[in-house]
Amino acid sequence: MYQRWEQLLFLHWKWDPEEIQKTLPPGLYVDTFGGSAWVGLVPFYMRAVRPRYLPEVPTLSNFLEVNLRTYVHDGQGRPGVWFYSLDCNQPVAVKVARTFFHIPYYHAEMRVTEDAGRVHYTSRRHGDAATSVFDYHLSRETKLAEPGTPEFFLVERYLLFAQTRNGLRWGQIYHTPYPVAQAEVSHFDTRLFELNDFAPPTRPPDHVMGSPSVSVIFYALQQVGG
């Protein structure tokens, strides 16, 4: 799959590693930085999504997504991302992701507007009464994350893991390093924590950053250990 991710906002909270480990399937282990696990809330735009050899379809290839995630490694020590949920406003994408990639997508009503570079982003999962709101602005100045920094730990990951009926699988993700930007956030929402059976954090994020855009190739899932 080819796709481009735009206007990414990364909100991260430190978390108890033992608590996160309890939420992971067998074969995955919590990854830590500075002695803490991290849970991330990430709203962004999905653009130009298409399978290999097929053209873009405007009504299907462009949509919004917000996900709740944590950071893990497998038994071989390979670092990656574990998604608790991914909400998006394209029902076909939800069905494809659940059927073929075993990723926990949910259909949501989502809207975004931009005014002078400020993003106003709303999301409400179908069947839920609450609407999440994110208001943010990304700096035009960007840099690459340096190894050993929180930014590098949180964004430079090139595997995702998914639980299937036949066991744990991993999928490789390729992109150039993220151009990381400072993010000014005037409003955020933690409803996705509750929808994933977490107590919502009662403090502001421990780490905030953004990225304007990155082009991505997502490869087919493979069996862990295979």
N, C-alpha and C. Protein backbone atom coordinates (compact mmCIF):
# COMPACT_ATOMS: atom_id res chain seq x y z
N MET A 1 0.84 -1.18 0.00
CA MET A 1 0.00 0.00 0.00
C MET A 1 0.88 1.24 0.00
N TYR A 2 0.48 2.23 -0.82
CA TYR A 2 1.14 3.53 -0.83
C TYR A 2 0.21 4.54 -0.17
N GLN A 3 0.79 5.45 0.60
CA GLN A 3 -0.01 6.47 1.27
C GLN A 3 0.88 7.61 1.72
N ARG A 4 0.25 8.73 2.06
CA ARG A 4 0.98 9.88 2.59
C ARG A 4 0.26 10.35 3.85
N TRP A 5 1.02 10.60 4.89
CA TRP A 5 0.47 11.08 6.14
C TRP A 5 0.79 12.56 6.29
N GLU A 6 -0.22 13.36 6.61
CA GLU A 6 -0.04 14.81 6.68
C GLU A 6 -0.58 15.38 7.99
N GLN A 7 -0.03 16.52 8.38
CA GLN A 7 -0.48 17.30 9.54
C GLN A 7 -0.63 16.42 10.79
N LEU A 8 0.42 15.65 11.05
CA LEU A 8 0.40 14.75 12.20
C LEU A 8 0.66 15.50 13.50
N LEU A 9 -0.17 15.21 14.49
CA LEU A 9 0.03 15.71 15.85
C LEU A 9 0.29 14.51 16.75
N PHE A 10 1.41 14.53 17.48
CA PHE A 10 1.76 13.45 18.39
C PHE A 10 1.64 13.95 19.83
N LEU A 11 0.66 13.42 20.55
CA LEU A 11 0.50 13.70 21.98
C LEU A 11 0.85 12.42 22.74
N HIS A 12 1.82 12.50 23.65
CA HIS A 12 2.27 11.30 24.35
C HIS A 12 2.27 11.50 25.87
N TRP A 13 1.84 10.44 26.56
CA TRP A 13 1.86 10.39 28.01
C TRP A 13 2.73 9.25 28.50
N LYS A 14 3.50 9.49 29.56
CA LYS A 14 4.22 8.41 30.21
C LYS A 14 3.23 7.49 30.91
N TRP A 15 3.57 6.19 30.92
CA TRP A 15 2.65 5.22 31.51
C TRP A 15 3.44 4.15 32.26
N ASP A 16 2.78 3.50 33.19
CA ASP A 16 3.40 2.41 33.95
C ASP A 16 3.66 1.22 33.02
N PRO A 17 4.91 0.78 32.86
CA PRO A 17 5.18 -0.34 31.95
C PRO A 17 4.43 -1.62 32.31
N GLU A 18 4.26 -1.89 33.59
CA GLU A 18 3.54 -3.11 33.98
C GLU A 18 2.09 -3.06 33.54
N GLU A 19 1.49 -1.89 33.62
CA GLU A 19 0.10 -1.74 33.19
C GLU A 19 -0.02 -1.94 31.68
N ILE A 20 0.91 -1.38 30.92
CA ILE A 20 0.87 -1.56 29.47
C ILE A 20 1.12 -3.01 29.10
N GLN A 21 2.03 -3.67 29.77
CA GLN A 21 2.32 -5.07 29.43
C GLN A 21 1.07 -5.93 29.54
N LYS A 22 0.21 -5.64 30.50
CA LYS A 22 -1.01 -6.42 30.68
C LYS A 22 -1.97 -6.28 29.49
N THR A 23 -1.81 -5.22 28.71
CA THR A 23 -2.72 -5.00 27.57
C THR A 23 -2.21 -5.63 26.28
N LEU A 24 -1.01 -6.20 26.28
CA LEU A 24 -0.38 -6.69 25.06
C LEU A 24 -0.63 -8.19 24.86
N PRO A 25 -0.69 -8.64 23.62
CA PRO A 25 -0.86 -10.07 23.35
C PRO A 25 0.44 -10.82 23.63
N PRO A 26 0.36 -12.14 23.81
CA PRO A 26 1.58 -12.93 24.00
C PRO A 26 2.54 -12.73 22.83
N GLY A 27 3.82 -12.60 23.15
CA GLY A 27 4.83 -12.40 22.11
C GLY A 27 5.27 -10.97 21.94
N LEU A 28 4.56 -10.02 22.57
CA LEU A 28 4.95 -8.62 22.53
C LEU A 28 5.31 -8.14 23.93
N TYR A 29 6.27 -7.21 23.98
CA TYR A 29 6.79 -6.73 25.25
C TYR A 29 6.87 -5.21 25.20
N VAL A 30 6.50 -4.60 26.30
CA VAL A 30 6.47 -3.14 26.36
C VAL A 30 7.88 -2.59 26.14
N ASP A 31 7.97 -1.54 25.35
CA ASP A 31 9.22 -0.83 25.11
C ASP A 31 9.19 0.44 25.94
N THR A 32 10.31 0.79 26.55
CA THR A 32 10.34 1.93 27.45
C THR A 32 11.43 2.92 27.05
N PHE A 33 11.21 4.15 27.46
CA PHE A 33 12.23 5.21 27.33
C PHE A 33 12.21 5.99 28.63
N GLY A 34 13.39 6.16 29.23
CA GLY A 34 13.46 6.86 30.51
C GLY A 34 12.74 6.13 31.62
N GLY A 35 12.61 4.80 31.49
CA GLY A 35 11.95 4.00 32.51
C GLY A 35 10.44 3.95 32.40
N SER A 36 9.86 4.62 31.41
CA SER A 36 8.40 4.68 31.26
C SER A 36 7.96 4.07 29.94
N ALA A 37 6.79 3.46 29.97
CA ALA A 37 6.08 3.17 28.73
C ALA A 37 5.44 4.47 28.26
N TRP A 38 5.02 4.50 27.00
CA TRP A 38 4.41 5.71 26.44
C TRP A 38 3.15 5.33 25.67
N VAL A 39 2.11 6.12 25.87
CA VAL A 39 0.87 5.96 25.11
C VAL A 39 0.66 7.23 24.30
N GLY A 40 0.44 7.03 22.99
CA GLY A 40 0.33 8.17 22.09
C GLY A 40 -1.04 8.32 21.48
N LEU A 41 -1.47 9.54 21.32
CA LEU A 41 -2.72 9.90 20.67
C LEU A 41 -2.34 10.73 19.44
N VAL A 42 -2.73 10.24 18.24
CA VAL A 42 -2.19 10.82 17.01
C VAL A 42 -3.30 11.08 15.99
N PRO A 43 -3.78 12.32 15.87
CA PRO A 43 -4.67 12.68 14.76
C PRO A 43 -3.85 13.15 13.55
N PHE A 44 -4.33 12.80 12.34
CA PHE A 44 -3.63 13.22 11.13
C PHE A 44 -4.51 12.98 9.91
N TYR A 45 -3.98 13.35 8.74
CA TYR A 45 -4.68 13.14 7.47
C TYR A 45 -4.04 11.95 6.74
N MET A 46 -4.86 11.08 6.19
CA MET A 46 -4.40 10.04 5.28
C MET A 46 -4.67 10.53 3.86
N ARG A 47 -3.64 10.54 3.01
CA ARG A 47 -3.77 11.05 1.66
C ARG A 47 -3.16 10.07 0.65
N ALA A 48 -3.74 10.05 -0.53
CA ALA A 48 -3.21 9.27 -1.67
C ALA A 48 -3.04 7.79 -1.33
N VAL A 49 -3.99 7.24 -0.57
CA VAL A 49 -3.92 5.82 -0.19
C VAL A 49 -4.34 4.96 -1.38
N ARG A 50 -3.50 4.01 -1.74
CA ARG A 50 -3.83 3.12 -2.86
C ARG A 50 -3.00 1.86 -2.79
N PRO A 51 -3.55 0.75 -3.29
CA PRO A 51 -2.74 -0.46 -3.41
C PRO A 51 -1.74 -0.32 -4.56
N ARG A 52 -0.71 -1.11 -4.52
CA ARG A 52 0.27 -1.13 -5.59
C ARG A 52 -0.41 -1.47 -6.91
N TYR A 53 -0.01 -0.80 -7.96
CA TYR A 53 -0.49 -0.99 -9.34
C TYR A 53 -1.86 -0.39 -9.60
N LEU A 54 -2.49 0.22 -8.59
CA LEU A 54 -3.80 0.82 -8.81
C LEU A 54 -3.72 2.33 -8.60
N PRO A 55 -4.54 3.09 -9.32
CA PRO A 55 -4.52 4.55 -9.17
C PRO A 55 -5.27 5.00 -7.93
N GLU A 56 -5.07 6.25 -7.58
CA GLU A 56 -5.84 6.84 -6.49
C GLU A 56 -7.30 7.02 -6.91
N VAL A 57 -8.21 6.89 -5.95
CA VAL A 57 -9.62 7.20 -6.14
C VAL A 57 -9.97 8.26 -5.10
N PRO A 58 -10.21 9.51 -5.53
CA PRO A 58 -10.35 10.61 -4.57
C PRO A 58 -11.32 10.33 -3.42
N THR A 59 -12.45 9.68 -3.71
CA THR A 59 -13.44 9.44 -2.65
C THR A 59 -13.02 8.34 -1.68
N LEU A 60 -12.03 7.53 -2.07
CA LEU A 60 -11.58 6.43 -1.22
C LEU A 60 -10.16 6.64 -0.68
N SER A 61 -9.37 7.44 -1.38
CA SER A 61 -7.93 7.52 -1.07
C SER A 61 -7.57 8.60 -0.06
N ASN A 62 -8.52 9.47 0.28
CA ASN A 62 -8.24 10.58 1.18
C ASN A 62 -9.23 10.58 2.33
N PHE A 63 -8.71 10.46 3.54
CA PHE A 63 -9.60 10.45 4.71
C PHE A 63 -8.80 10.86 5.93
N LEU A 64 -9.45 10.84 7.08
CA LEU A 64 -8.83 11.25 8.34
C LEU A 64 -8.66 10.05 9.25
N GLU A 65 -7.71 10.16 10.16
CA GLU A 65 -7.49 9.07 11.12
C GLU A 65 -6.97 9.64 12.42
N VAL A 66 -7.39 9.05 13.52
CA VAL A 66 -6.80 9.33 14.83
C VAL A 66 -6.62 7.99 15.53
N ASN A 67 -5.41 7.75 16.04
CA ASN A 67 -5.16 6.45 16.66
C ASN A 67 -4.60 6.59 18.07
N LEU A 68 -4.80 5.54 18.85
CA LEU A 68 -4.22 5.41 20.18
C LEU A 68 -3.25 4.24 20.12
N ARG A 69 -2.02 4.46 20.59
CA ARG A 69 -0.96 3.49 20.34
C ARG A 69 0.01 3.41 21.51
N THR A 70 0.82 2.35 21.51
CA THR A 70 1.94 2.26 22.42
C THR A 70 3.11 1.64 21.67
N TYR A 71 4.24 1.48 22.37
CA TYR A 71 5.47 1.07 21.70
C TYR A 71 5.98 -0.22 22.33
N VAL A 72 6.37 -1.14 21.47
CA VAL A 72 6.63 -2.51 21.88
C VAL A 72 7.85 -3.06 21.12
N HIS A 73 8.27 -4.26 21.53
CA HIS A 73 9.21 -5.04 20.73
C HIS A 73 8.78 -6.50 20.81
N ASP A 74 9.19 -7.28 19.83
CA ASP A 74 8.85 -8.70 19.84
C ASP A 74 9.97 -9.49 20.51
N GLY A 75 9.86 -10.82 20.46
CA GLY A 75 10.84 -11.67 21.12
C GLY A 75 12.22 -11.59 20.51
N GLN A 76 12.30 -11.08 19.28
CA GLN A 76 13.60 -10.89 18.64
C GLN A 76 14.17 -9.50 18.89
N GLY A 77 13.45 -8.70 19.67
CA GLY A 77 13.94 -7.37 20.00
C GLY A 77 13.62 -6.31 18.96
N ARG A 78 12.78 -6.64 17.96
CA ARG A 78 12.46 -5.67 16.91
C ARG A 78 11.44 -4.66 17.43
N PRO A 79 11.76 -3.36 17.40
CA PRO A 79 10.83 -2.35 17.92
C PRO A 79 9.71 -2.06 16.92
N GLY A 80 8.53 -1.76 17.46
CA GLY A 80 7.40 -1.44 16.59
C GLY A 80 6.31 -0.75 17.36
N VAL A 81 5.14 -0.69 16.72
CA VAL A 81 3.97 0.01 17.26
C VAL A 81 2.85 -1.00 17.46
N TRP A 82 2.14 -0.86 18.58
CA TRP A 82 0.93 -1.62 18.83
C TRP A 82 -0.23 -0.64 18.91
N PHE A 83 -1.23 -0.83 18.06
CA PHE A 83 -2.38 0.06 18.02
C PHE A 83 -3.51 -0.50 18.87
N TYR A 84 -4.02 0.33 19.78
CA TYR A 84 -5.22 -0.05 20.52
C TYR A 84 -6.46 0.19 19.67
N SER A 85 -6.48 1.30 18.93
CA SER A 85 -7.59 1.57 18.02
C SER A 85 -7.17 2.62 17.02
N LEU A 86 -7.86 2.60 15.87
CA LEU A 86 -7.64 3.59 14.82
C LEU A 86 -9.02 3.99 14.29
N ASP A 87 -9.41 5.23 14.51
CA ASP A 87 -10.70 5.72 14.03
C ASP A 87 -10.50 6.45 12.71
N CYS A 88 -11.36 6.20 11.74
CA CYS A 88 -11.26 6.93 10.47
C CYS A 88 -12.64 7.11 9.88
N ASN A 89 -12.76 8.05 8.94
CA ASN A 89 -14.07 8.40 8.38
C ASN A 89 -14.28 7.82 6.99
N GLN A 90 -13.60 6.72 6.68
CA GLN A 90 -13.78 6.05 5.40
C GLN A 90 -14.15 4.59 5.68
N PRO A 91 -15.45 4.23 5.54
CA PRO A 91 -15.89 2.89 5.91
C PRO A 91 -15.24 1.78 5.10
N VAL A 92 -14.88 2.05 3.84
CA VAL A 92 -14.20 1.03 3.05
C VAL A 92 -12.82 0.75 3.63
N ALA A 93 -12.13 1.80 4.04
CA ALA A 93 -10.81 1.62 4.65
C ALA A 93 -10.91 0.82 5.94
N VAL A 94 -11.97 1.06 6.73
CA VAL A 94 -12.17 0.30 7.95
C VAL A 94 -12.32 -1.18 7.65
N LYS A 95 -13.15 -1.50 6.67
CA LYS A 95 -13.39 -2.91 6.33
C LYS A 95 -12.14 -3.57 5.79
N VAL A 96 -11.42 -2.89 4.90
CA VAL A 96 -10.20 -3.46 4.33
C VAL A 96 -9.16 -3.69 5.42
N ALA A 97 -8.96 -2.70 6.29
CA ALA A 97 -7.95 -2.82 7.33
C ALA A 97 -8.27 -3.95 8.30
N ARG A 98 -9.54 -4.09 8.66
CA ARG A 98 -9.93 -5.15 9.58
C ARG A 98 -9.83 -6.53 8.92
N THR A 99 -10.22 -6.62 7.65
CA THR A 99 -10.29 -7.91 6.98
C THR A 99 -8.91 -8.42 6.56
N PHE A 100 -8.11 -7.55 5.98
CA PHE A 100 -6.85 -8.00 5.38
C PHE A 100 -5.62 -7.70 6.23
N PHE A 101 -5.71 -6.71 7.12
CA PHE A 101 -4.54 -6.35 7.92
C PHE A 101 -4.75 -6.57 9.42
N HIS A 102 -5.97 -6.96 9.82
CA HIS A 102 -6.26 -7.33 11.21
C HIS A 102 -5.92 -6.19 12.17
N ILE A 103 -6.17 -4.96 11.71
CA ILE A 103 -5.88 -3.78 12.52
C ILE A 103 -7.21 -3.22 13.03
N PRO A 104 -7.29 -2.84 14.31
CA PRO A 104 -8.57 -2.46 14.93
C PRO A 104 -9.07 -1.07 14.54
N TYR A 105 -9.53 -0.97 13.29
CA TYR A 105 -10.11 0.28 12.80
C TYR A 105 -11.58 0.39 13.21
N TYR A 106 -12.02 1.64 13.39
CA TYR A 106 -13.42 1.93 13.72
C TYR A 106 -13.88 3.10 12.85
N HIS A 107 -15.14 3.02 12.42
CA HIS A 107 -15.70 4.09 11.60
C HIS A 107 -16.11 5.25 12.50
N ALA A 108 -15.79 6.46 12.08
CA ALA A 108 -16.10 7.65 12.85
C ALA A 108 -16.51 8.77 11.93
N GLU A 109 -17.28 9.70 12.47
CA GLU A 109 -17.57 10.95 11.76
C GLU A 109 -16.46 11.94 12.10
N MET A 110 -15.79 12.43 11.08
CA MET A 110 -14.63 13.28 11.31
C MET A 110 -14.66 14.48 10.37
N ARG A 111 -14.17 15.61 10.86
CA ARG A 111 -14.11 16.82 10.06
C ARG A 111 -12.80 17.53 10.36
N VAL A 112 -12.30 18.27 9.38
CA VAL A 112 -11.12 19.09 9.61
C VAL A 112 -11.24 20.38 8.81
N THR A 113 -10.84 21.48 9.43
CA THR A 113 -10.73 22.76 8.73
C THR A 113 -9.37 23.35 9.09
N GLU A 114 -8.87 24.18 8.22
CA GLU A 114 -7.60 24.87 8.47
C GLU A 114 -7.79 26.37 8.25
N ASP A 115 -7.20 27.14 9.12
CA ASP A 115 -7.25 28.59 9.02
C ASP A 115 -5.88 29.14 9.37
N ALA A 116 -5.20 29.69 8.37
CA ALA A 116 -3.86 30.26 8.57
C ALA A 116 -2.91 29.25 9.21
N GLY A 117 -3.04 28.00 8.79
CA GLY A 117 -2.15 26.96 9.27
C GLY A 117 -2.61 26.29 10.55
N ARG A 118 -3.66 26.80 11.20
CA ARG A 118 -4.18 26.17 12.41
C ARG A 118 -5.21 25.13 12.02
N VAL A 119 -5.06 23.94 12.58
CA VAL A 119 -5.93 22.81 12.27
C VAL A 119 -7.00 22.67 13.35
N HIS A 120 -8.26 22.58 12.90
CA HIS A 120 -9.38 22.27 13.80
C HIS A 120 -9.92 20.92 13.37
N TYR A 121 -9.78 19.93 14.25
CA TYR A 121 -10.00 18.53 13.90
C TYR A 121 -11.01 17.93 14.88
N THR A 122 -12.07 17.34 14.37
CA THR A 122 -13.08 16.72 15.24
C THR A 122 -13.31 15.27 14.83
N SER A 123 -13.66 14.45 15.81
CA SER A 123 -13.89 13.02 15.56
C SER A 123 -14.91 12.48 16.56
N ARG A 124 -15.88 11.73 16.05
CA ARG A 124 -16.85 11.05 16.92
C ARG A 124 -17.08 9.65 16.37
N ARG A 125 -16.69 8.64 17.15
CA ARG A 125 -16.86 7.26 16.73
C ARG A 125 -18.35 6.92 16.64
N HIS A 126 -18.72 6.17 15.62
CA HIS A 126 -20.12 5.77 15.48
C HIS A 126 -20.56 4.98 16.71
N GLY A 127 -21.70 5.35 17.25
CA GLY A 127 -22.22 4.72 18.45
C GLY A 127 -21.82 5.40 19.74
N ASP A 128 -20.93 6.39 19.64
CA ASP A 128 -20.48 7.12 20.83
C ASP A 128 -21.06 8.53 20.79
N ALA A 129 -21.40 9.06 21.95
CA ALA A 129 -22.03 10.38 21.99
C ALA A 129 -21.02 11.52 22.03
N ALA A 130 -19.77 11.22 22.38
CA ALA A 130 -18.78 12.28 22.60
C ALA A 130 -18.01 12.59 21.33
N THR A 131 -17.77 13.87 21.11
CA THR A 131 -16.95 14.33 20.00
C THR A 131 -15.61 14.81 20.53
N SER A 132 -14.54 14.27 19.96
CA SER A 132 -13.19 14.71 20.33
C SER A 132 -12.79 15.90 19.46
N VAL A 133 -12.12 16.87 20.07
CA VAL A 133 -11.69 18.07 19.36
C VAL A 133 -10.20 18.27 19.58
N PHE A 134 -9.50 18.54 18.49
CA PHE A 134 -8.07 18.88 18.55
C PHE A 134 -7.86 20.17 17.77
N ASP A 135 -7.24 21.14 18.41
CA ASP A 135 -6.87 22.39 17.76
C ASP A 135 -5.36 22.54 17.88
N TYR A 136 -4.67 22.64 16.74
CA TYR A 136 -3.22 22.70 16.82
C TYR A 136 -2.63 23.41 15.61
N HIS A 137 -1.38 23.81 15.79
CA HIS A 137 -0.64 24.49 14.73
C HIS A 137 0.78 23.95 14.74
N LEU A 138 1.31 23.55 13.57
CA LEU A 138 2.66 23.03 13.46
C LEU A 138 3.60 24.12 12.97
N SER A 139 4.77 24.18 13.58
CA SER A 139 5.79 25.12 13.13
C SER A 139 6.26 24.75 11.73
N ARG A 140 6.65 25.75 10.96
CA ARG A 140 7.20 25.50 9.63
C ARG A 140 8.62 24.97 9.70
N GLU A 141 9.28 25.20 10.80
CA GLU A 141 10.66 24.72 10.96
C GLU A 141 10.63 23.26 11.41
N THR A 142 11.40 22.44 10.73
CA THR A 142 11.45 21.02 11.06
C THR A 142 12.90 20.56 11.24
N LYS A 143 13.05 19.42 11.88
CA LYS A 143 14.36 18.79 12.04
C LYS A 143 14.15 17.28 12.07
N LEU A 144 15.22 16.54 11.93
CA LEU A 144 15.16 15.10 12.06
C LEU A 144 15.43 14.72 13.51
N ALA A 145 14.72 13.70 13.97
CA ALA A 145 14.93 13.24 15.33
C ALA A 145 16.29 12.57 15.46
N GLU A 146 16.99 12.87 16.54
CA GLU A 146 18.31 12.31 16.77
C GLU A 146 18.22 11.06 17.63
N PRO A 147 18.98 10.01 17.30
CA PRO A 147 19.00 8.81 18.14
C PRO A 147 19.28 9.15 19.60
N GLY A 148 18.57 8.45 20.49
CA GLY A 148 18.74 8.69 21.91
C GLY A 148 17.81 9.72 22.49
N THR A 149 17.00 10.37 21.64
CA THR A 149 16.05 11.37 22.11
C THR A 149 14.65 10.77 22.20
N PRO A 150 13.76 11.39 23.00
CA PRO A 150 12.37 10.91 23.02
C PRO A 150 11.73 10.94 21.64
N GLU A 151 12.02 11.97 20.84
CA GLU A 151 11.43 12.08 19.51
C GLU A 151 11.78 10.86 18.66
N PHE A 152 13.03 10.45 18.70
CA PHE A 152 13.45 9.30 17.91
C PHE A 152 12.75 8.04 18.39
N PHE A 153 12.69 7.83 19.69
CA PHE A 153 12.02 6.66 20.25
C PHE A 153 10.56 6.60 19.83
N LEU A 154 9.89 7.73 19.79
CA LEU A 154 8.45 7.75 19.57
C LEU A 154 8.05 7.68 18.10
N VAL A 155 8.86 8.18 17.18
CA VAL A 155 8.40 8.23 15.79
C VAL A 155 9.20 7.36 14.83
N GLU A 156 10.45 7.06 15.13
CA GLU A 156 11.24 6.30 14.17
C GLU A 156 11.07 4.80 14.39
N ARG A 157 9.90 4.32 13.95
CA ARG A 157 9.54 2.91 14.09
C ARG A 157 9.00 2.43 12.75
N TYR A 158 9.44 1.24 12.36
CA TYR A 158 9.16 0.79 11.01
C TYR A 158 8.50 -0.58 10.97
N LEU A 159 7.90 -0.98 12.10
CA LEU A 159 7.10 -2.19 12.15
C LEU A 159 5.82 -1.88 12.91
N LEU A 160 4.72 -2.51 12.48
CA LEU A 160 3.52 -2.55 13.30
C LEU A 160 3.18 -4.02 13.55
N PHE A 161 2.54 -4.27 14.67
CA PHE A 161 2.15 -5.63 15.02
C PHE A 161 0.63 -5.73 15.07
N ALA A 162 0.12 -6.89 14.69
CA ALA A 162 -1.33 -7.12 14.67
C ALA A 162 -1.61 -8.54 15.16
N GLN A 163 -2.65 -8.69 15.95
CA GLN A 163 -3.07 -10.00 16.44
C GLN A 163 -4.11 -10.59 15.51
N THR A 164 -3.91 -11.81 15.03
CA THR A 164 -4.85 -12.48 14.14
C THR A 164 -5.27 -13.81 14.75
N ARG A 165 -6.24 -14.47 14.11
CA ARG A 165 -6.66 -15.79 14.58
C ARG A 165 -5.53 -16.81 14.52
N ASN A 166 -4.59 -16.56 13.62
CA ASN A 166 -3.46 -17.47 13.44
C ASN A 166 -2.20 -17.01 14.15
N GLY A 167 -2.35 -16.08 15.07
CA GLY A 167 -1.21 -15.63 15.84
C GLY A 167 -0.78 -14.22 15.50
N LEU A 168 0.32 -13.84 16.08
CA LEU A 168 0.83 -12.48 15.94
C LEU A 168 1.50 -12.30 14.59
N ARG A 169 1.23 -11.16 13.95
CA ARG A 169 1.86 -10.83 12.68
C ARG A 169 2.51 -9.46 12.76
N TRP A 170 3.46 -9.23 11.85
CA TRP A 170 4.12 -7.93 11.77
C TRP A 170 4.09 -7.43 10.34
N GLY A 171 4.03 -6.12 10.20
CA GLY A 171 4.05 -5.50 8.88
C GLY A 171 5.12 -4.43 8.85
N GLN A 172 5.89 -4.43 7.79
CA GLN A 172 6.96 -3.44 7.64
C GLN A 172 6.41 -2.16 7.04
N ILE A 173 6.88 -1.04 7.55
CA ILE A 173 6.51 0.28 7.06
C ILE A 173 7.79 0.99 6.63
N TYR A 174 7.78 1.54 5.44
CA TYR A 174 8.96 2.27 4.97
C TYR A 174 8.60 3.74 4.74
N HIS A 175 9.43 4.62 5.25
CA HIS A 175 9.33 6.04 4.92
C HIS A 175 10.67 6.69 5.27
N THR A 176 10.94 7.82 4.67
CA THR A 176 12.11 8.58 5.08
C THR A 176 11.88 9.08 6.51
N PRO A 177 12.94 9.44 7.24
CA PRO A 177 12.75 9.91 8.61
C PRO A 177 11.75 11.07 8.69
N TYR A 178 10.99 11.08 9.76
CA TYR A 178 10.02 12.15 9.97
C TYR A 178 10.69 13.52 10.05
N PRO A 179 10.18 14.52 9.35
CA PRO A 179 10.54 15.90 9.67
C PRO A 179 9.72 16.32 10.89
N VAL A 180 10.37 16.49 12.00
CA VAL A 180 9.69 16.76 13.27
C VAL A 180 9.57 18.27 13.47
N ALA A 181 8.37 18.69 13.89
CA ALA A 181 8.10 20.11 14.11
C ALA A 181 7.55 20.33 15.51
N GLN A 182 7.77 21.53 16.04
CA GLN A 182 7.11 21.90 17.28
C GLN A 182 5.62 22.08 17.00
N ALA A 183 4.80 21.75 17.99
CA ALA A 183 3.35 21.86 17.85
C ALA A 183 2.78 22.72 18.97
N GLU A 184 1.96 23.67 18.60
CA GLU A 184 1.23 24.49 19.56
C GLU A 184 -0.19 23.95 19.62
N VAL A 185 -0.61 23.47 20.78
CA VAL A 185 -1.91 22.81 20.93
C VAL A 185 -2.77 23.63 21.88
N SER A 186 -3.92 24.08 21.38
CA SER A 186 -4.82 24.87 22.22
C SER A 186 -5.96 24.03 22.78
N HIS A 187 -6.20 22.85 22.18
CA HIS A 187 -7.23 21.96 22.70
C HIS A 187 -6.94 20.54 22.27
N PHE A 188 -7.14 19.60 23.19
CA PHE A 188 -7.01 18.18 22.86
C PHE A 188 -8.05 17.41 23.66
N ASP A 189 -8.24 16.15 23.30
CA ASP A 189 -9.28 15.34 23.91
C ASP A 189 -8.74 13.94 24.17
N THR A 190 -9.14 13.32 25.27
CA THR A 190 -8.64 12.00 25.63
C THR A 190 -9.73 10.93 25.62
N ARG A 191 -10.81 11.16 24.87
CA ARG A 191 -11.91 10.20 24.84
C ARG A 191 -11.44 8.81 24.38
N LEU A 192 -10.48 8.74 23.47
CA LEU A 192 -10.04 7.43 22.98
C LEU A 192 -9.44 6.57 24.08
N PHE A 193 -8.87 7.18 25.11
CA PHE A 193 -8.39 6.38 26.25
C PHE A 193 -9.54 5.61 26.87
N GLU A 194 -10.65 6.29 27.12
CA GLU A 194 -11.81 5.64 27.73
C GLU A 194 -12.37 4.55 26.82
N LEU A 195 -12.42 4.81 25.51
CA LEU A 195 -12.95 3.81 24.58
C LEU A 195 -12.06 2.58 24.49
N ASN A 196 -10.84 2.70 24.97
CA ASN A 196 -9.92 1.55 24.99
C ASN A 196 -9.64 1.05 26.41
N ASP A 197 -10.55 1.37 27.32
CA ASP A 197 -10.52 0.86 28.69
C ASP A 197 -9.33 1.37 29.51
N PHE A 198 -8.84 2.55 29.17
CA PHE A 198 -7.84 3.22 29.99
C PHE A 198 -8.52 4.32 30.79
N ALA A 199 -8.02 4.56 31.99
CA ALA A 199 -8.42 5.77 32.70
C ALA A 199 -7.79 6.95 31.97
N PRO A 200 -8.57 7.94 31.57
CA PRO A 200 -7.98 9.05 30.81
C PRO A 200 -6.99 9.83 31.66
N PRO A 201 -5.90 10.26 31.07
CA PRO A 201 -4.92 11.05 31.84
C PRO A 201 -5.52 12.35 32.33
N THR A 202 -5.12 12.75 33.52
CA THR A 202 -5.65 13.97 34.13
C THR A 202 -4.65 15.13 34.05
N ARG A 203 -3.58 14.93 33.30
CA ARG A 203 -2.56 15.97 33.14
C ARG A 203 -2.33 16.20 31.65
N PRO A 204 -1.71 17.31 31.30
CA PRO A 204 -1.36 17.54 29.89
C PRO A 204 -0.38 16.47 29.40
N PRO A 205 -0.23 16.33 28.10
CA PRO A 205 0.74 15.36 27.57
C PRO A 205 2.15 15.63 28.09
N ASP A 206 2.91 14.57 28.28
CA ASP A 206 4.30 14.69 28.70
C ASP A 206 5.22 15.04 27.54
N HIS A 207 4.74 14.82 26.32
CA HIS A 207 5.54 15.16 25.15
C HIS A 207 4.61 15.51 24.00
N VAL A 208 4.91 16.62 23.32
CA VAL A 208 4.08 17.10 22.21
C VAL A 208 5.00 17.43 21.04
N MET A 209 4.63 16.98 19.86
CA MET A 209 5.36 17.33 18.64
C MET A 209 4.44 17.08 17.46
N GLY A 210 4.92 17.41 16.27
CA GLY A 210 4.14 17.18 15.06
C GLY A 210 5.05 16.90 13.89
N SER A 211 4.42 16.66 12.75
CA SER A 211 5.16 16.48 11.50
C SER A 211 4.25 16.89 10.36
N PRO A 212 4.77 17.67 9.40
CA PRO A 212 3.90 18.14 8.31
C PRO A 212 3.50 17.06 7.33
N SER A 213 4.41 16.12 7.01
CA SER A 213 4.08 15.14 5.98
C SER A 213 5.18 14.10 5.86
N VAL A 214 4.78 12.87 5.52
CA VAL A 214 5.73 11.82 5.20
C VAL A 214 5.05 10.83 4.26
N SER A 215 5.76 10.39 3.23
CA SER A 215 5.24 9.40 2.29
C SER A 215 5.62 8.01 2.76
N VAL A 216 4.68 7.05 2.62
CA VAL A 216 4.81 5.77 3.29
C VAL A 216 4.51 4.63 2.32
N ILE A 217 5.26 3.54 2.48
CA ILE A 217 4.93 2.27 1.84
C ILE A 217 4.67 1.26 2.94
N PHE A 218 3.54 0.58 2.87
CA PHE A 218 3.15 -0.42 3.86
C PHE A 218 3.12 -1.78 3.20
N TYR A 219 3.90 -2.72 3.74
CA TYR A 219 4.04 -4.03 3.12
C TYR A 219 3.09 -5.04 3.79
N ALA A 220 2.91 -6.17 3.12
CA ALA A 220 2.01 -7.22 3.62
C ALA A 220 2.47 -7.77 4.95
N LEU A 221 1.50 -8.22 5.75
CA LEU A 221 1.80 -8.78 7.05
C LEU A 221 2.49 -10.13 6.93
N GLN A 222 3.38 -10.41 7.89
CA GLN A 222 4.06 -11.68 7.95
C GLN A 222 3.93 -12.26 9.34
N GLN A 223 4.02 -13.58 9.44
CA GLN A 223 3.91 -14.25 10.72
C GLN A 223 5.14 -13.98 11.58
N VAL A 224 4.93 -13.59 12.83
CA VAL A 224 6.05 -13.40 13.74
C VAL A 224 6.72 -14.75 13.96
N GLY A 225 8.04 -14.77 13.79
CA GLY A 225 8.78 -16.02 13.93
C GLY A 225 8.83 -16.83 12.68
N GLY A 226 8.12 -16.36 11.60
CA GLY A 226 8.09 -17.09 10.36
C GLY A 226 9.17 -16.64 9.39
